[in-house]
Amino acid sequence: MDILTFQSVEEAEPYWVENLCQTPFDTPLWNKLWAKHSRAKPLILVAVNENRPLALWALKREKKLGTTLRFLSHPIADYLRVLTPQNSSRESLTQLLKSIYEIPWDILELTHIWEKDPLLPIIQEFTSNWKAEPEEFCPYLLLPGTWEELMRRLKKKSRDKVKYYQRKAEEIGPVHLKVAETPEAVKEALEAHLRLHGMRWRRRGQPGVYWHPRVVEFHREFAPSAAERKMCRIYTLCISNRSVASLYGFAYRETFYFYTSGFDPRWQEVSPGFVLVSMVIQDAIQRKEKCFDFLRGGEKYKYRWQPENRKNLRLWIYHPTLTSRVFLHKARLQWYLEKTSKKILQSMP
């Protein structure tokens, strides 16, 4: 087994094969465009056997708290991992981890990593110099074959809410769902989505997901490119021919990933976001998709659908030196303050 090292996604792309990817956040398209727009310094390690990729670890170097290594897609991806095929051997992961220690760094910070990720027990066996904290839950809904079956599965209170808000919207005027799937349609729908997302969050004095121009420019390039690959859909809820809510997400391997939403606060009394989510779930069922993933965040409306929970962790690996421990303390303190601030903001009306 050999370990290859690359300084760009383009160099690593011949080894970044489809069977390594499980989510849209794993794909070379997502990582290549985010590296471009975030101006990251990629460090990509690939374990190969006779030129066949066995595992790929896409990282980046940051010079904020000493030299920190993070997943390349941090902080805009909800699921991050070392890319391996299903049922891969431990050996490739072990060799990648050993190779990481041949590179100079102060902190290795792994965010949004699944608590059952196969890399974690290998880290625990390899070193005792690590700390972990729970991150936000990622609820996901396993979809039945029909909408009626899903409704029967819900509690009566949840079923009643779905019917109540749908009826309330219809009392105002005709309710229509528009779906953008082609590159041109997605490009146009994304601009409306950004506007509605901004309206929702500005009301709360927050920037929302699109907090930096580079994030916006990334999605402006990613969304139509993903649509060319049948990976992106943007839904718009219209009431009386007025666009009142929007949902932006990704379709990948029979799962729809609900990335962001937005709505016009002037329509809040009809709960347009909840109406839209229910209609998008119906559409996913009709498309025979197997899972509707709400991604990170424990917002109350997600749990009306009685989803399963995926628990992610944030892991810090450090060296047994004073310098590395100081950087570790600063990194954990910064994360704690960001987490506390987010909770306070989320609790605001």
Protein backbone atom coordinates (compact mmCIF):
# COMPACT_ATOMS: atom_id res chain seq x y z
CA MET A 1 0.00 0.00 0.00
CA ASP A 2 1.24 3.48 -0.91
CA ILE A 3 0.21 6.93 0.34
CA LEU A 4 0.02 9.65 -2.31
CA THR A 5 -0.04 13.35 -1.38
CA PHE A 6 -1.63 16.10 -3.46
CA GLN A 7 -1.87 19.88 -3.06
CA SER A 8 -5.08 20.36 -5.06
CA VAL A 9 -8.36 18.59 -5.76
CA GLU A 10 -7.57 18.63 -9.48
CA GLU A 11 -4.39 16.59 -8.91
CA ALA A 12 -6.22 14.08 -6.72
CA GLU A 13 -9.32 13.85 -8.93
CA PRO A 14 -8.24 10.71 -10.86
CA TYR A 15 -8.31 8.87 -7.52
CA TRP A 16 -11.48 10.59 -6.25
CA VAL A 17 -13.75 7.87 -7.59
CA GLU A 18 -17.51 7.56 -7.11
CA ASN A 19 -17.46 4.52 -4.83
CA LEU A 20 -15.60 6.60 -2.20
CA CYS A 21 -18.48 9.10 -1.99
CA GLN A 22 -21.57 8.64 0.18
CA THR A 23 -22.96 12.20 0.38
CA PRO A 24 -22.81 15.29 -1.87
CA PHE A 25 -20.26 16.74 0.58
CA ASP A 26 -17.87 13.92 -0.35
CA THR A 27 -17.83 14.68 -4.06
CA PRO A 28 -14.87 16.26 -5.85
CA LEU A 29 -17.22 18.92 -7.26
CA TRP A 30 -18.18 20.19 -3.79
CA ASN A 31 -14.60 20.09 -2.49
CA LYS A 32 -12.98 21.55 -5.60
CA LEU A 33 -15.32 24.54 -5.74
CA TRP A 34 -15.13 25.21 -2.00
CA ALA A 35 -11.32 25.08 -2.13
CA LYS A 36 -11.46 27.59 -5.00
CA HIS A 37 -13.85 30.06 -3.36
CA SER A 38 -12.51 29.77 0.20
CA ARG A 39 -8.92 30.04 -1.07
CA ALA A 40 -7.99 27.01 0.99
CA LYS A 41 -4.64 25.26 0.92
CA PRO A 42 -5.63 21.63 0.28
CA LEU A 43 -3.67 18.67 1.57
CA ILE A 44 -5.09 15.45 0.14
CA LEU A 45 -3.81 12.02 1.11
CA VAL A 46 -4.81 8.91 -0.84
CA ALA A 47 -4.12 5.32 0.15
CA VAL A 48 -3.68 3.22 -2.99
CA ASN A 49 -2.98 -0.41 -3.76
CA GLU A 50 -1.67 -1.03 -7.28
CA ASN A 51 -2.95 2.44 -8.19
CA ARG A 52 -6.47 1.59 -6.91
CA PRO A 53 -7.76 4.14 -4.34
CA LEU A 54 -8.68 2.59 -0.99
CA ALA A 55 -9.19 5.75 1.08
CA LEU A 56 -8.95 9.51 0.57
CA TRP A 57 -8.52 12.18 3.24
CA ALA A 58 -9.19 15.73 2.02
CA LEU A 59 -7.75 18.26 4.46
CA LYS A 60 -6.62 21.88 4.45
CA ARG A 61 -3.98 23.79 6.36
CA GLU A 62 -4.97 26.87 8.32
CA LYS A 63 -2.65 29.24 10.17
CA LYS A 64 -5.05 30.52 12.83
CA LEU A 65 -4.22 28.58 15.98
CA GLY A 66 -0.73 27.47 15.09
CA THR A 67 -0.97 25.11 12.13
CA THR A 68 -4.41 23.51 12.17
CA LEU A 69 -5.49 20.71 9.86
CA ARG A 70 -9.22 20.51 9.14
CA PHE A 71 -11.43 18.73 6.65
CA LEU A 72 -11.31 20.58 3.34
CA SER A 73 -15.10 21.19 3.35
CA HIS A 74 -15.18 22.72 6.85
CA PRO A 75 -17.31 24.68 7.82
CA ILE A 76 -19.99 24.46 5.10
CA ALA A 77 -20.54 20.68 5.00
CA ASP A 78 -22.72 18.82 7.49
CA TYR A 79 -21.11 15.38 7.17
CA LEU A 80 -17.33 15.04 7.03
CA ARG A 81 -15.19 11.92 6.96
CA VAL A 82 -12.24 10.12 5.46
CA LEU A 83 -13.61 8.78 2.18
CA THR A 84 -13.67 5.01 1.95
CA PRO A 85 -15.84 2.46 0.16
CA GLN A 86 -18.32 0.56 2.28
CA ASN A 87 -16.79 -2.39 4.14
CA SER A 88 -13.27 -1.04 3.65
CA SER A 89 -10.38 -2.45 5.66
CA ARG A 90 -8.87 -0.76 8.71
CA GLU A 91 -5.42 -0.90 7.16
CA SER A 92 -5.95 1.98 4.73
CA LEU A 93 -7.30 4.26 7.48
CA THR A 94 -4.45 3.29 9.79
CA GLN A 95 -1.84 4.07 7.14
CA LEU A 96 -3.44 7.46 6.39
CA LEU A 97 -3.42 8.36 10.08
CA LYS A 98 0.25 7.39 10.40
CA SER A 99 1.03 9.56 7.36
CA ILE A 100 -0.65 12.55 9.00
CA TYR A 101 1.96 12.39 11.76
CA GLU A 102 4.72 12.82 9.19
CA ILE A 103 3.34 16.30 8.39
CA PRO A 104 3.96 19.28 10.72
CA TRP A 105 0.83 20.53 12.53
CA ASP A 106 -0.24 21.67 15.98
CA ILE A 107 -3.93 20.67 16.04
CA LEU A 108 -5.91 18.23 13.90
CA GLU A 109 -9.56 19.31 14.26
CA LEU A 110 -12.20 16.98 12.81
CA THR A 111 -15.68 18.51 12.71
CA HIS A 112 -19.08 16.94 11.97
CA ILE A 113 -17.70 13.42 12.09
CA TRP A 114 -20.15 10.59 12.82
CA GLU A 115 -19.82 9.06 16.28
CA LYS A 116 -19.65 5.60 14.62
CA ASP A 117 -17.09 6.61 12.00
CA PRO A 118 -14.59 3.74 11.52
CA LEU A 119 -11.69 6.19 11.91
CA LEU A 120 -12.53 6.94 15.57
CA PRO A 121 -11.52 3.61 17.15
CA ILE A 122 -8.29 3.71 15.14
CA ILE A 123 -7.50 7.18 16.54
CA GLN A 124 -8.26 5.96 20.07
CA GLU A 125 -5.87 3.04 19.65
CA PHE A 126 -3.19 5.16 18.00
CA THR A 127 -3.00 8.05 20.49
CA SER A 128 -4.35 9.18 23.85
CA ASN A 129 -3.90 12.85 22.91
CA TRP A 130 -7.41 13.63 21.74
CA LYS A 131 -10.56 15.33 23.00
CA ALA A 132 -14.11 15.01 21.69
CA GLU A 133 -17.32 16.99 22.14
CA PRO A 134 -20.84 16.30 20.83
CA GLU A 135 -22.04 18.52 17.99
CA GLU A 136 -25.56 19.15 16.75
CA PHE A 137 -27.81 16.20 15.97
CA CYS A 138 -28.60 15.55 12.31
CA PRO A 139 -32.20 14.27 12.07
CA TYR A 140 -33.11 12.12 9.08
CA LEU A 141 -36.41 10.61 7.98
CA LEU A 142 -36.58 7.16 6.42
CA LEU A 143 -39.22 7.43 3.72
CA PRO A 144 -41.98 4.86 3.20
CA GLY A 145 -43.43 3.99 -0.18
CA THR A 146 -46.36 6.41 0.04
CA TRP A 147 -47.31 9.72 1.64
CA GLU A 148 -50.34 8.07 3.26
CA GLU A 149 -48.08 5.56 4.98
CA LEU A 150 -45.90 8.35 6.37
CA MET A 151 -48.97 10.20 7.67
CA ARG A 152 -50.16 7.07 9.45
CA ARG A 153 -46.74 6.78 11.06
CA LEU A 154 -46.93 10.29 12.56
CA LYS A 155 -48.52 11.21 15.85
CA LYS A 156 -52.00 12.66 15.57
CA LYS A 157 -50.79 16.12 16.65
CA SER A 158 -48.22 16.17 13.83
CA ARG A 159 -50.76 14.95 11.26
CA ASP A 160 -53.16 17.66 12.35
CA LYS A 161 -50.48 20.36 11.97
CA VAL A 162 -49.69 19.24 8.41
CA LYS A 163 -53.38 19.42 7.45
CA TYR A 164 -54.04 22.64 9.37
CA TYR A 165 -51.27 24.73 7.79
CA GLN A 166 -51.93 23.34 4.32
CA ARG A 167 -55.59 24.28 4.66
CA LYS A 168 -54.72 27.71 6.07
CA ALA A 169 -52.47 28.45 3.09
CA GLU A 170 -55.16 27.30 0.65
CA GLU A 171 -57.70 29.64 2.26
CA ILE A 172 -55.56 32.59 1.14
CA GLY A 173 -55.24 31.44 -2.45
CA PRO A 174 -54.02 28.68 -4.78
CA VAL A 175 -50.98 26.84 -3.43
CA HIS A 176 -48.36 25.76 -5.96
CA LEU A 177 -44.94 24.10 -5.71
CA LYS A 178 -42.30 25.03 -8.28
CA VAL A 179 -39.27 22.76 -8.70
CA ALA A 180 -36.06 23.97 -10.32
CA GLU A 181 -33.85 21.13 -11.55
CA THR A 182 -32.11 22.27 -14.74
CA PRO A 183 -28.93 24.38 -14.49
CA GLU A 184 -30.64 27.54 -15.79
CA ALA A 185 -33.72 27.09 -13.59
CA VAL A 186 -31.55 26.37 -10.54
CA LYS A 187 -29.40 29.42 -11.21
CA GLU A 188 -32.48 31.65 -11.22
CA ALA A 189 -34.16 29.93 -8.27
CA LEU A 190 -31.02 30.22 -6.15
CA GLU A 191 -31.14 34.03 -6.32
CA ALA A 192 -34.74 34.00 -5.08
CA HIS A 193 -33.72 31.51 -2.39
CA LEU A 194 -30.88 33.73 -1.18
CA ARG A 195 -33.30 36.65 -0.95
CA LEU A 196 -35.88 34.68 1.06
CA HIS A 197 -33.22 33.12 3.30
CA GLY A 198 -31.82 36.58 3.98
CA MET A 199 -35.27 38.01 4.80
CA ARG A 200 -35.83 35.30 7.38
CA TRP A 201 -32.49 35.70 9.15
CA ARG A 202 -32.15 39.47 8.97
CA ARG A 203 -35.36 39.70 10.96
CA ARG A 204 -33.51 37.91 13.77
CA GLY A 205 -30.39 40.02 13.37
CA GLN A 206 -28.37 37.09 12.03
CA PRO A 207 -26.56 36.48 8.72
CA GLY A 208 -27.82 32.93 8.22
CA VAL A 209 -25.87 30.26 6.36
CA TYR A 210 -24.71 32.66 3.64
CA TRP A 211 -22.63 34.71 6.05
CA HIS A 212 -19.76 35.51 3.68
CA PRO A 213 -19.63 36.56 0.01
CA ARG A 214 -17.34 33.60 -0.69
CA VAL A 215 -20.04 31.21 0.55
CA VAL A 216 -22.57 32.86 -1.75
CA GLU A 217 -20.25 32.69 -4.75
CA PHE A 218 -19.50 29.04 -4.01
CA HIS A 219 -23.20 28.14 -4.15
CA ARG A 220 -23.75 30.24 -7.26
CA GLU A 221 -21.20 28.04 -9.02
CA PHE A 222 -21.97 24.74 -7.28
CA ALA A 223 -25.78 24.69 -7.63
CA PRO A 224 -26.04 24.82 -11.45
CA SER A 225 -23.03 22.49 -11.81
CA ALA A 226 -24.70 20.03 -9.43
CA ALA A 227 -27.96 20.36 -11.39
CA GLU A 228 -26.12 19.22 -14.52
CA ARG A 229 -25.36 16.02 -12.58
CA LYS A 230 -28.97 15.67 -11.31
CA MET A 231 -27.75 16.48 -7.79
CA CYS A 232 -29.55 19.73 -6.99
CA ARG A 233 -33.18 20.82 -6.60
CA ILE A 234 -34.61 24.14 -5.41
CA TYR A 235 -38.27 24.25 -4.40
CA THR A 236 -40.39 27.39 -4.21
CA LEU A 237 -43.76 27.59 -2.45
CA CYS A 238 -46.17 29.97 -4.18
CA ILE A 239 -49.43 31.20 -2.67
CA SER A 240 -51.63 33.26 -4.98
CA ASN A 241 -48.71 33.36 -7.45
CA ARG A 242 -46.40 34.95 -4.87
CA SER A 243 -43.15 33.25 -3.85
CA VAL A 244 -43.32 32.94 -0.06
CA ALA A 245 -40.80 30.20 0.82
CA SER A 246 -37.86 28.37 -0.71
CA LEU A 247 -35.90 25.19 0.01
CA TYR A 248 -32.47 24.35 -1.43
CA GLY A 249 -31.18 20.81 -1.31
CA PHE A 250 -29.21 18.00 -2.89
CA ALA A 251 -30.18 14.60 -4.26
CA TYR A 252 -27.55 11.91 -3.90
CA ARG A 253 -27.72 8.12 -3.67
CA GLU A 254 -31.49 7.95 -3.07
CA THR A 255 -31.36 10.60 -0.33
CA PHE A 256 -32.53 14.20 -0.45
CA TYR A 257 -30.45 16.54 1.72
CA PHE A 258 -32.33 19.60 2.97
CA TYR A 259 -29.56 22.22 3.02
CA THR A 260 -31.22 25.60 3.64
CA SER A 261 -34.61 27.26 3.54
CA GLY A 262 -36.04 30.75 3.68
CA PHE A 263 -39.41 32.44 3.79
CA ASP A 264 -41.02 35.84 3.68
CA PRO A 265 -41.72 36.79 7.34
CA ARG A 266 -44.89 38.59 6.26
CA TRP A 267 -46.43 35.15 5.65
CA GLN A 268 -45.34 33.67 8.96
CA GLU A 269 -48.90 33.07 10.21
CA VAL A 270 -49.42 30.31 7.61
CA SER A 271 -46.08 28.66 8.53
CA PRO A 272 -44.86 28.62 4.91
CA GLY A 273 -41.64 26.80 5.79
CA PHE A 274 -43.51 23.90 7.35
CA VAL A 275 -45.95 23.72 4.42
CA LEU A 276 -43.04 23.70 2.00
CA VAL A 277 -41.15 20.95 3.85
CA SER A 278 -44.26 18.73 3.84
CA MET A 279 -44.66 19.22 0.08
CA VAL A 280 -40.97 18.51 -0.57
CA ILE A 281 -41.16 15.31 1.48
CA GLN A 282 -44.18 14.26 -0.62
CA ASP A 283 -42.17 14.93 -3.77
CA ALA A 284 -39.20 12.89 -2.47
CA ILE A 285 -41.54 9.96 -1.79
CA GLN A 286 -42.98 10.22 -5.30
CA ARG A 287 -39.43 10.13 -6.69
CA LYS A 288 -38.84 6.86 -4.78
CA GLU A 289 -36.10 8.38 -2.65
CA LYS A 290 -35.35 6.41 0.51
CA CYS A 291 -34.36 9.12 2.95
CA PHE A 292 -35.02 12.80 3.66
CA ASP A 293 -32.05 14.20 5.59
CA PHE A 294 -32.69 17.39 7.57
CA LEU A 295 -28.94 17.78 8.20
CA ARG A 296 -27.56 19.47 11.28
CA GLY A 297 -29.70 21.31 13.79
CA GLY A 298 -32.29 20.29 16.34
CA GLU A 299 -35.03 22.72 15.30
CA LYS A 300 -38.43 21.76 16.67
CA TYR A 301 -40.20 21.55 13.31
CA LYS A 302 -37.88 18.73 12.19
CA TYR A 303 -38.98 16.51 15.05
CA ARG A 304 -42.65 16.81 14.11
CA TRP A 305 -41.76 14.21 11.47
CA GLN A 306 -40.44 11.74 14.08
CA PRO A 307 -37.02 11.33 12.46
CA GLU A 308 -34.07 9.20 13.47
CA ASN A 309 -31.02 10.99 14.88
CA ARG A 310 -27.44 10.88 13.72
CA LYS A 311 -24.96 12.12 16.32
CA ASN A 312 -21.85 13.92 15.13
CA LEU A 313 -18.72 14.77 17.10
CA ARG A 314 -15.98 17.37 17.01
CA LEU A 315 -12.60 15.83 17.63
CA TRP A 316 -9.30 17.54 18.45
CA ILE A 317 -6.04 15.61 18.15
CA TYR A 318 -2.94 17.25 19.57
CA HIS A 319 0.72 16.60 20.33
CA PRO A 320 1.99 16.12 23.91
CA THR A 321 3.78 19.49 23.86
CA LEU A 322 3.02 22.71 25.70
CA THR A 323 2.53 24.62 22.43
CA SER A 324 0.03 22.10 21.07
CA ARG A 325 -1.88 22.01 24.38
CA VAL A 326 -2.15 25.80 24.42
CA PHE A 327 -3.58 25.80 20.89
CA LEU A 328 -5.95 22.99 21.90
CA HIS A 329 -7.26 25.05 24.83
CA LYS A 330 -7.82 28.07 22.59
CA ALA A 331 -9.56 26.01 19.90
CA ARG A 332 -11.95 24.41 22.40
CA LEU A 333 -12.69 27.76 24.06
CA GLN A 334 -13.44 29.34 20.68
CA TRP A 335 -15.75 26.46 19.75
CA TYR A 336 -17.56 26.68 23.11
CA LEU A 337 -18.14 30.43 22.73
CA GLU A 338 -19.43 29.99 19.16
CA LYS A 339 -21.74 27.19 20.28
CA THR A 340 -23.10 29.21 23.21
CA SER A 341 -23.64 32.29 21.02
CA LYS A 342 -25.54 30.20 18.45
CA LYS A 343 -27.83 28.76 21.13
CA ILE A 344 -28.63 32.23 22.44
CA LEU A 345 -29.41 33.53 18.95
CA GLN A 346 -31.57 30.47 18.13
CA SER A 347 -33.61 31.04 21.28
CA MET A 348 -34.49 34.57 20.21
CA PRO A 349 -37.93 35.06 18.64
